[in-house]
Amino acid sequence: MEGKSVILTPEQQAAANKALEGFDFRPDLNKVTAKTLVISGKYDGLNPPELGREIASLIPDSTFVEFEKSGHAPNVEEHKYFMELVINFLT
């Protein structure tokens, strides 16, 4: 499945967004003390890269990475790069 994006239908995106209504943890992200990796897929319709960048900007000592060939599931869509990135980040 490497390199294939999973595209959600507008109905699926709306349902997922509705399920997440009311969850806004941004005001507390400055309290995160762990080194943090924020990952976004370029084609993610639920959590687009601009939101990932915003989240990373609110977390001290965070790193943002945008996956160029992924949608919402970079761990599946670009699994080799994902594993390499995470392992390097954790070591």
PDB file of N, CA and C in Angstrom:
ATOM      1  N   MET A   1       0.819  -1.193   0.000  1.00  0.00           N
ATOM      2  CA  MET A   1       0.000   0.000   0.000  1.00  0.00           C
ATOM      3  C   MET A   1       0.867   1.264   0.000  1.00  0.00           C
ATOM      4  N   GLU A   2       2.161   1.111  -0.016  1.00  0.00           N
ATOM      5  CA  GLU A   2       3.087   2.243   0.002  1.00  0.00           C
ATOM      6  C   GLU A   2       2.733   3.235  -1.101  1.00  0.00           C
ATOM      7  N   GLY A   3       2.586   4.517  -0.715  1.00  0.00           N
ATOM      8  CA  GLY A   3       2.357   5.554  -1.686  1.00  0.00           C
ATOM      9  C   GLY A   3       0.905   5.764  -2.078  1.00  0.00           C
ATOM     10  N   LYS A   4      -0.018   4.927  -1.616  1.00  0.00           N
ATOM     11  CA  LYS A   4      -1.423   5.097  -1.947  1.00  0.00           C
ATOM     12  C   LYS A   4      -2.120   5.848  -0.825  1.00  0.00           C
ATOM     13  N   SER A   5      -2.878   6.860  -1.193  1.00  0.00           N
ATOM     14  CA  SER A   5      -3.629   7.622  -0.214  1.00  0.00           C
ATOM     15  C   SER A   5      -5.036   7.057  -0.100  1.00  0.00           C
ATOM     16  N   VAL A   6      -5.549   7.080   1.111  1.00  0.00           N
ATOM     17  CA  VAL A   6      -6.927   6.699   1.343  1.00  0.00           C
ATOM     18  C   VAL A   6      -7.727   7.989   1.396  1.00  0.00           C
ATOM     19  N   ILE A   7      -8.611   8.175   0.456  1.00  0.00           N
ATOM     20  CA  ILE A   7      -9.405   9.386   0.377  1.00  0.00           C
ATOM     21  C   ILE A   7     -10.773   9.110   0.984  1.00  0.00           C
ATOM     22  N   LEU A   8     -11.130   9.929   1.966  1.00  0.00           N
ATOM     23  CA  LEU A   8     -12.452   9.800   2.570  1.00  0.00           C
ATOM     24  C   LEU A   8     -13.472  10.541   1.721  1.00  0.00           C
ATOM     25  N   THR A   9     -14.675   9.994   1.685  1.00  0.00           N
ATOM     26  CA  THR A   9     -15.754  10.698   1.000  1.00  0.00           C
ATOM     27  C   THR A   9     -16.135  11.919   1.834  1.00  0.00           C
ATOM     28  N   PRO A  10     -16.798  12.886   1.231  1.00  0.00           N
ATOM     29  CA  PRO A  10     -17.249  14.038   2.017  1.00  0.00           C
ATOM     30  C   PRO A  10     -18.121  13.625   3.207  1.00  0.00           C
ATOM     31  N   GLU A  11     -18.927  12.600   3.032  1.00  0.00           N
ATOM     32  CA  GLU A  11     -19.778  12.119   4.122  1.00  0.00           C
ATOM     33  C   GLU A  11     -18.934  11.544   5.260  1.00  0.00           C
ATOM     34  N   GLN A  12     -17.887  10.779   4.912  1.00  0.00           N
ATOM     35  CA  GLN A  12     -16.999  10.209   5.933  1.00  0.00           C
ATOM     36  C   GLN A  12     -16.235  11.315   6.656  1.00  0.00           C
ATOM     37  N   GLN A  13     -15.779  12.314   5.923  1.00  0.00           N
ATOM     38  CA  GLN A  13     -15.085  13.432   6.551  1.00  0.00           C
ATOM     39  C   GLN A  13     -16.008  14.185   7.501  1.00  0.00           C
ATOM     40  N   ALA A  14     -17.250  14.404   7.080  1.00  0.00           N
ATOM     41  CA  ALA A  14     -18.216  15.109   7.929  1.00  0.00           C
ATOM     42  C   ALA A  14     -18.505  14.315   9.197  1.00  0.00           C
ATOM     43  N   ALA A  15     -18.666  12.999   9.073  1.00  0.00           N
ATOM     44  CA  ALA A  15     -18.927  12.150  10.237  1.00  0.00           C
ATOM     45  C   ALA A  15     -17.743  12.172  11.206  1.00  0.00           C
ATOM     46  N   ALA A  16     -16.544  12.100  10.681  1.00  0.00           N
ATOM     47  CA  ALA A  16     -15.351  12.132  11.536  1.00  0.00           C
ATOM     48  C   ALA A  16     -15.212  13.489  12.222  1.00  0.00           C
ATOM     49  N   ASN A  17     -15.443  14.559  11.490  1.00  0.00           N
ATOM     50  CA  ASN A  17     -15.371  15.891  12.087  1.00  0.00           C
ATOM     51  C   ASN A  17     -16.434  16.072  13.163  1.00  0.00           C
ATOM     52  N   LYS A  18     -17.631  15.551  12.943  1.00  0.00           N
ATOM     53  CA  LYS A  18     -18.713  15.648  13.934  1.00  0.00           C
ATOM     54  C   LYS A  18     -18.321  14.906  15.209  1.00  0.00           C
ATOM     55  N   ALA A  19     -17.678  13.755  15.061  1.00  0.00           N
ATOM     56  CA  ALA A  19     -17.272  12.964  16.227  1.00  0.00           C
ATOM     57  C   ALA A  19     -16.248  13.705  17.075  1.00  0.00           C
ATOM     58  N   LEU A  20     -15.506  14.602  16.472  1.00  0.00           N
ATOM     59  CA  LEU A  20     -14.451  15.326  17.184  1.00  0.00           C
ATOM     60  C   LEU A  20     -14.882  16.707  17.674  1.00  0.00           C
ATOM     61  N   GLU A  21     -16.122  17.082  17.412  1.00  0.00           N
ATOM     62  CA  GLU A  21     -16.601  18.404  17.848  1.00  0.00           C
ATOM     63  C   GLU A  21     -16.426  18.562  19.358  1.00  0.00           C
ATOM     64  N   GLY A  22     -15.998  19.719  19.755  1.00  0.00           N
ATOM     65  CA  GLY A  22     -15.858  20.015  21.177  1.00  0.00           C
ATOM     66  C   GLY A  22     -14.507  19.630  21.765  1.00  0.00           C
ATOM     67  N   PHE A  23     -13.684  18.902  21.031  1.00  0.00           N
ATOM     68  CA  PHE A  23     -12.363  18.537  21.521  1.00  0.00           C
ATOM     69  C   PHE A  23     -11.360  19.581  21.055  1.00  0.00           C
ATOM     70  N   ASP A  24     -10.938  20.417  21.954  1.00  0.00           N
ATOM     71  CA  ASP A  24      -9.931  21.421  21.624  1.00  0.00           C
ATOM     72  C   ASP A  24      -8.948  21.498  22.784  1.00  0.00           C
ATOM     73  N   PHE A  25      -7.839  20.820  22.614  1.00  0.00           N
ATOM     74  CA  PHE A  25      -6.828  20.769  23.659  1.00  0.00           C
ATOM     75  C   PHE A  25      -5.716  21.790  23.441  1.00  0.00           C
ATOM     76  N   ARG A  26      -5.877  22.653  22.441  1.00  0.00           N
ATOM     77  CA  ARG A  26      -4.809  23.609  22.121  1.00  0.00           C
ATOM     78  C   ARG A  26      -4.379  24.475  23.311  1.00  0.00           C
ATOM     79  N   PRO A  27      -5.323  24.943  24.138  1.00  0.00           N
ATOM     80  CA  PRO A  27      -4.889  25.787  25.258  1.00  0.00           C
ATOM     81  C   PRO A  27      -3.941  25.092  26.242  1.00  0.00           C
ATOM     82  N   ASP A  28      -3.968  23.763  26.279  1.00  0.00           N
ATOM     83  CA  ASP A  28      -3.126  23.017  27.224  1.00  0.00           C
ATOM     84  C   ASP A  28      -1.853  22.439  26.604  1.00  0.00           C
ATOM     85  N   LEU A  29      -1.677  22.599  25.309  1.00  0.00           N
ATOM     86  CA  LEU A  29      -0.523  21.975  24.655  1.00  0.00           C
ATOM     87  C   LEU A  29       0.813  22.540  25.127  1.00  0.00           C
ATOM     88  N   ASN A  30       0.826  23.756  25.620  1.00  0.00           N
ATOM     89  CA  ASN A  30       2.075  24.329  26.126  1.00  0.00           C
ATOM     90  C   ASN A  30       2.552  23.628  27.395  1.00  0.00           C
ATOM     91  N   LYS A  31       1.705  22.792  27.978  1.00  0.00           N
ATOM     92  CA  LYS A  31       2.053  22.046  29.190  1.00  0.00           C
ATOM     93  C   LYS A  31       2.772  20.724  28.881  1.00  0.00           C
ATOM     94  N   VAL A  32       2.796  20.328  27.617  1.00  0.00           N
ATOM     95  CA  VAL A  32       3.455  19.079  27.235  1.00  0.00           C
ATOM     96  C   VAL A  32       4.956  19.243  27.464  1.00  0.00           C
ATOM     97  N   THR A  33       5.531  18.311  28.219  1.00  0.00           N
ATOM     98  CA  THR A  33       6.964  18.407  28.527  1.00  0.00           C
ATOM     99  C   THR A  33       7.809  17.390  27.773  1.00  0.00           C
ATOM    100  N   ALA A  34       7.173  16.430  27.141  1.00  0.00           N
ATOM    101  CA  ALA A  34       7.914  15.411  26.393  1.00  0.00           C
ATOM    102  C   ALA A  34       8.281  15.928  25.008  1.00  0.00           C
ATOM    103  N   LYS A  35       9.451  15.526  24.537  1.00  0.00           N
ATOM    104  CA  LYS A  35       9.821  15.798  23.155  1.00  0.00           C
ATOM    105  C   LYS A  35       8.734  15.155  22.288  1.00  0.00           C
ATOM    106  N   THR A  36       8.197  15.890  21.323  1.00  0.00           N
ATOM    107  CA  THR A  36       6.997  15.446  20.605  1.00  0.00           C
ATOM    108  C   THR A  36       7.198  15.479  19.101  1.00  0.00           C
ATOM    109  N   LEU A  37       6.720  14.436  18.430  1.00  0.00           N
ATOM    110  CA  LEU A  37       6.731  14.356  16.977  1.00  0.00           C
ATOM    111  C   LEU A  37       5.293  14.486  16.490  1.00  0.00           C
ATOM    112  N   VAL A  38       5.035  15.489  15.656  1.00  0.00           N
ATOM    113  CA  VAL A  38       3.707  15.703  15.079  1.00  0.00           C
ATOM    114  C   VAL A  38       3.817  15.377  13.595  1.00  0.00           C
ATOM    115  N   ILE A  39       2.955  14.466  13.134  1.00  0.00           N
ATOM    116  CA  ILE A  39       2.995  13.987  11.756  1.00  0.00           C
ATOM    117  C   ILE A  39       1.668  14.303  11.077  1.00  0.00           C
ATOM    118  N   SER A  40       1.746  14.800   9.851  1.00  0.00           N
ATOM    119  CA  SER A  40       0.550  15.029   9.037  1.00  0.00           C
ATOM    120  C   SER A  40       0.790  14.496   7.639  1.00  0.00           C
ATOM    121  N   GLY A  41      -0.273  13.979   7.041  1.00  0.00           N
ATOM    122  CA  GLY A  41      -0.227  13.595   5.639  1.00  0.00           C
ATOM    123  C   GLY A  41      -0.665  14.765   4.776  1.00  0.00           C
ATOM    124  N   LYS A  42       0.026  14.991   3.703  1.00  0.00           N
ATOM    125  CA  LYS A  42      -0.253  16.120   2.811  1.00  0.00           C
ATOM    126  C   LYS A  42      -1.711  16.153   2.354  1.00  0.00           C
ATOM    127  N   TYR A  43      -2.326  14.984   2.184  1.00  0.00           N
ATOM    128  CA  TYR A  43      -3.678  14.902   1.642  1.00  0.00           C
ATOM    129  C   TYR A  43      -4.715  14.544   2.708  1.00  0.00           C
ATOM    130  N   ASP A  44      -4.409  14.803   3.960  1.00  0.00           N
ATOM    131  CA  ASP A  44      -5.318  14.475   5.059  1.00  0.00           C
ATOM    132  C   ASP A  44      -6.460  15.482   5.096  1.00  0.00           C
ATOM    133  N   GLY A  45      -7.676  15.005   4.875  1.00  0.00           N
ATOM    134  CA  GLY A  45      -8.850  15.868   4.908  1.00  0.00           C
ATOM    135  C   GLY A  45      -9.392  16.102   6.305  1.00  0.00           C
ATOM    136  N   LEU A  46      -9.011  15.254   7.264  1.00  0.00           N
ATOM    137  CA  LEU A  46      -9.483  15.411   8.642  1.00  0.00           C
ATOM    138  C   LEU A  46      -8.578  16.321   9.448  1.00  0.00           C
ATOM    139  N   ASN A  47      -7.292  16.097   9.343  1.00  0.00           N
ATOM    140  CA  ASN A  47      -6.290  16.883  10.073  1.00  0.00           C
ATOM    141  C   ASN A  47      -5.217  17.317   9.086  1.00  0.00           C
ATOM    142  N   PRO A  48      -5.507  18.340   8.304  1.00  0.00           N
ATOM    143  CA  PRO A  48      -4.555  18.763   7.280  1.00  0.00           C
ATOM    144  C   PRO A  48      -3.257  19.294   7.874  1.00  0.00           C
ATOM    145  N   PRO A  49      -2.207  19.323   7.073  1.00  0.00           N
ATOM    146  CA  PRO A  49      -0.895  19.750   7.563  1.00  0.00           C
ATOM    147  C   PRO A  49      -0.890  21.104   8.253  1.00  0.00           C
ATOM    148  N   GLU A  50      -1.710  22.026   7.802  1.00  0.00           N
ATOM    149  CA  GLU A  50      -1.705  23.334   8.468  1.00  0.00           C
ATOM    150  C   GLU A  50      -2.128  23.214   9.932  1.00  0.00           C
ATOM    151  N   LEU A  51      -3.020  22.268  10.241  1.00  0.00           N
ATOM    152  CA  LEU A  51      -3.397  22.036  11.642  1.00  0.00           C
ATOM    153  C   LEU A  51      -2.266  21.340  12.397  1.00  0.00           C
ATOM    154  N   GLY A  52      -1.579  20.423  11.735  1.00  0.00           N
ATOM    155  CA  GLY A  52      -0.428  19.773  12.361  1.00  0.00           C
ATOM    156  C   GLY A  52       0.659  20.772  12.699  1.00  0.00           C
ATOM    157  N   ARG A  53       0.901  21.707  11.780  1.00  0.00           N
ATOM    158  CA  ARG A  53       1.894  22.757  12.040  1.00  0.00           C
ATOM    159  C   ARG A  53       1.472  23.612  13.233  1.00  0.00           C
ATOM    160  N   GLU A  54       0.189  23.927  13.303  1.00  0.00           N
ATOM    161  CA  GLU A  54      -0.311  24.723  14.433  1.00  0.00           C
ATOM    162  C   GLU A  54      -0.102  23.973  15.750  1.00  0.00           C
ATOM    163  N   ILE A  55      -0.454  22.692  15.772  1.00  0.00           N
ATOM    164  CA  ILE A  55      -0.283  21.878  16.984  1.00  0.00           C
ATOM    165  C   ILE A  55       1.194  21.869  17.387  1.00  0.00           C
ATOM    166  N   ALA A  56       2.066  21.615  16.427  1.00  0.00           N
ATOM    167  CA  ALA A  56       3.502  21.577  16.727  1.00  0.00           C
ATOM    168  C   ALA A  56       3.998  22.922  17.255  1.00  0.00           C
ATOM    169  N   SER A  57       3.457  24.000  16.744  1.00  0.00           N
ATOM    170  CA  SER A  57       3.898  25.321  17.203  1.00  0.00           C
ATOM    171  C   SER A  57       3.490  25.589  18.651  1.00  0.00           C
ATOM    172  N   LEU A  58       2.487  24.886  19.138  1.00  0.00           N
ATOM    173  CA  LEU A  58       1.989  25.084  20.503  1.00  0.00           C
ATOM    174  C   LEU A  58       2.650  24.158  21.527  1.00  0.00           C
ATOM    175  N   ILE A  59       3.390  23.166  21.055  1.00  0.00           N
ATOM    176  CA  ILE A  59       4.048  22.207  21.943  1.00  0.00           C
ATOM    177  C   ILE A  59       5.543  22.527  21.993  1.00  0.00           C
ATOM    178  N   PRO A  60       6.052  22.840  23.188  1.00  0.00           N
ATOM    179  CA  PRO A  60       7.495  23.094  23.295  1.00  0.00           C
ATOM    180  C   PRO A  60       8.289  21.849  22.889  1.00  0.00           C
ATOM    181  N   ASP A  61       9.426  22.036  22.283  1.00  0.00           N
ATOM    182  CA  ASP A  61      10.321  20.943  21.879  1.00  0.00           C
ATOM    183  C   ASP A  61       9.621  19.920  20.985  1.00  0.00           C
ATOM    184  N   SER A  62       8.856  20.415  20.013  1.00  0.00           N
ATOM    185  CA  SER A  62       8.183  19.510  19.089  1.00  0.00           C
ATOM    186  C   SER A  62       8.808  19.602  17.702  1.00  0.00           C
ATOM    187  N   THR A  63       8.587  18.544  16.938  1.00  0.00           N
ATOM    188  CA  THR A  63       9.053  18.468  15.559  1.00  0.00           C
ATOM    189  C   THR A  63       7.854  18.159  14.687  1.00  0.00           C
ATOM    190  N   PHE A  64       7.711  18.872  13.579  1.00  0.00           N
ATOM    191  CA  PHE A  64       6.618  18.628  12.640  1.00  0.00           C
ATOM    192  C   PHE A  64       7.172  18.010  11.362  1.00  0.00           C
ATOM    193  N   VAL A  65       6.501  16.954  10.870  1.00  0.00           N
ATOM    194  CA  VAL A  65       6.886  16.329   9.604  1.00  0.00           C
ATOM    195  C   VAL A  65       5.621  16.119   8.776  1.00  0.00           C
ATOM    196  N   GLU A  66       5.674  16.564   7.529  1.00  0.00           N
ATOM    197  CA  GLU A  66       4.570  16.351   6.594  1.00  0.00           C
ATOM    198  C   GLU A  66       4.949  15.224   5.637  1.00  0.00           C
ATOM    199  N   PHE A  67       4.105  14.207   5.565  1.00  0.00           N
ATOM    200  CA  PHE A  67       4.304  13.097   4.639  1.00  0.00           C
ATOM    201  C   PHE A  67       3.710  13.483   3.292  1.00  0.00           C
ATOM    202  N   GLU A  68       4.524  13.450   2.263  1.00  0.00           N
ATOM    203  CA  GLU A  68       4.157  13.961   0.942  1.00  0.00           C
ATOM    204  C   GLU A  68       3.192  13.075   0.151  1.00  0.00           C
ATOM    205  N   LYS A  69       3.097  11.788   0.482  1.00  0.00           N
ATOM    206  CA  LYS A  69       2.274  10.873  -0.314  1.00  0.00           C
ATOM    207  C   LYS A  69       1.123  10.284   0.493  1.00  0.00           C
ATOM    208  N   SER A  70       0.789  10.889   1.616  1.00  0.00           N
ATOM    209  CA  SER A  70      -0.202  10.303   2.523  1.00  0.00           C
ATOM    210  C   SER A  70      -1.413  11.188   2.722  1.00  0.00           C
ATOM    211  N   GLY A  71      -2.484  10.512   3.148  1.00  0.00           N
ATOM    212  CA  GLY A  71      -3.672  11.190   3.626  1.00  0.00           C
ATOM    213  C   GLY A  71      -3.671  11.116   5.145  1.00  0.00           C
ATOM    214  N   HIS A  72      -4.708  10.513   5.714  1.00  0.00           N
ATOM    215  CA  HIS A  72      -4.873  10.478   7.166  1.00  0.00           C
ATOM    216  C   HIS A  72      -4.070   9.363   7.843  1.00  0.00           C
ATOM    217  N   ALA A  73      -3.484   8.463   7.084  1.00  0.00           N
ATOM    218  CA  ALA A  73      -2.807   7.308   7.690  1.00  0.00           C
ATOM    219  C   ALA A  73      -1.388   7.124   7.168  1.00  0.00           C
ATOM    220  N   PRO A  74      -0.474   8.055   7.466  1.00  0.00           N
ATOM    221  CA  PRO A  74       0.902   7.893   7.002  1.00  0.00           C
ATOM    222  C   PRO A  74       1.547   6.605   7.487  1.00  0.00           C
ATOM    223  N   ASN A  75       1.141   6.118   8.651  1.00  0.00           N
ATOM    224  CA  ASN A  75       1.709   4.868   9.169  1.00  0.00           C
ATOM    225  C   ASN A  75       1.367   3.679   8.283  1.00  0.00           C
ATOM    226  N   VAL A  76       0.310   3.783   7.491  1.00  0.00           N
ATOM    227  CA  VAL A  76      -0.077   2.723   6.561  1.00  0.00           C
ATOM    228  C   VAL A  76       0.366   3.082   5.143  1.00  0.00           C
ATOM    229  N   GLU A  77       0.128   4.323   4.755  1.00  0.00           N
ATOM    230  CA  GLU A  77       0.349   4.745   3.383  1.00  0.00           C
ATOM    231  C   GLU A  77       1.824   4.899   3.022  1.00  0.00           C
ATOM    232  N   GLU A  78       2.638   5.262   3.988  1.00  0.00           N
ATOM    233  CA  GLU A  78       4.093   5.369   3.785  1.00  0.00           C
ATOM    234  C   GLU A  78       4.796   4.696   4.954  1.00  0.00           C
ATOM    235  N   HIS A  79       4.438   3.438   5.178  1.00  0.00           N
ATOM    236  CA  HIS A  79       4.862   2.745   6.404  1.00  0.00           C
ATOM    237  C   HIS A  79       6.382   2.656   6.577  1.00  0.00           C
ATOM    238  N   LYS A  80       7.131   2.472   5.507  1.00  0.00           N
ATOM    239  CA  LYS A  80       8.592   2.371   5.649  1.00  0.00           C
ATOM    240  C   LYS A  80       9.184   3.688   6.136  1.00  0.00           C
ATOM    241  N   TYR A  81       8.771   4.782   5.513  1.00  0.00           N
ATOM    242  CA  TYR A  81       9.269   6.100   5.935  1.00  0.00           C
ATOM    243  C   TYR A  81       8.786   6.417   7.357  1.00  0.00           C
ATOM    244  N   PHE A  82       7.539   6.076   7.647  1.00  0.00           N
ATOM    245  CA  PHE A  82       6.986   6.307   8.978  1.00  0.00           C
ATOM    246  C   PHE A  82       7.823   5.600  10.043  1.00  0.00           C
ATOM    247  N   MET A  83       8.104   4.329   9.838  1.00  0.00           N
ATOM    248  CA  MET A  83       8.875   3.557  10.815  1.00  0.00           C
ATOM    249  C   MET A  83      10.283   4.123  10.972  1.00  0.00           C
ATOM    250  N   GLU A  84      10.925   4.479   9.870  1.00  0.00           N
ATOM    251  CA  GLU A  84      12.261   5.048   9.930  1.00  0.00           C
ATOM    252  C   GLU A  84      12.240   6.367  10.710  1.00  0.00           C
ATOM    253  N   LEU A  85      11.278   7.205  10.427  1.00  0.00           N
ATOM    254  CA  LEU A  85      11.162   8.498  11.100  1.00  0.00           C
ATOM    255  C   LEU A  85      10.941   8.328  12.597  1.00  0.00           C
ATOM    256  N   VAL A  86      10.009   7.477  12.966  1.00  0.00           N
ATOM    257  CA  VAL A  86       9.687   7.279  14.384  1.00  0.00           C
ATOM    258  C   VAL A  86      10.867   6.667  15.137  1.00  0.00           C
ATOM    259  N   ILE A  87      11.486   5.668  14.548  1.00  0.00           N
ATOM    260  CA  ILE A  87      12.646   5.041  15.203  1.00  0.00           C
ATOM    261  C   ILE A  87      13.764   6.051  15.391  1.00  0.00           C
ATOM    262  N   ASN A  88      14.049   6.844  14.357  1.00  0.00           N
ATOM    263  CA  ASN A  88      15.089   7.882  14.488  1.00  0.00           C
ATOM    264  C   ASN A  88      14.717   8.920  15.538  1.00  0.00           C
ATOM    265  N   PHE A  89      13.454   9.273  15.598  1.00  0.00           N
ATOM    266  CA  PHE A  89      13.008  10.260  16.579  1.00  0.00           C
ATOM    267  C   PHE A  89      13.162   9.736  18.004  1.00  0.00           C
ATOM    268  N   LEU A  90      12.887   8.460  18.188  1.00  0.00           N
ATOM    269  CA  LEU A  90      12.933   7.884  19.537  1.00  0.00           C
ATOM    270  C   LEU A  90      14.339   7.523  20.014  1.00  0.00           C
ATOM    271  N   THR A  91      15.304   7.453  19.082  1.00  0.00           N
ATOM    272  CA  THR A  91      16.660   7.074  19.505  1.00  0.00           C
ATOM    273  C   THR A  91      17.588   8.246  19.658  1.00  0.00           C
TER     274      THR A  91
END
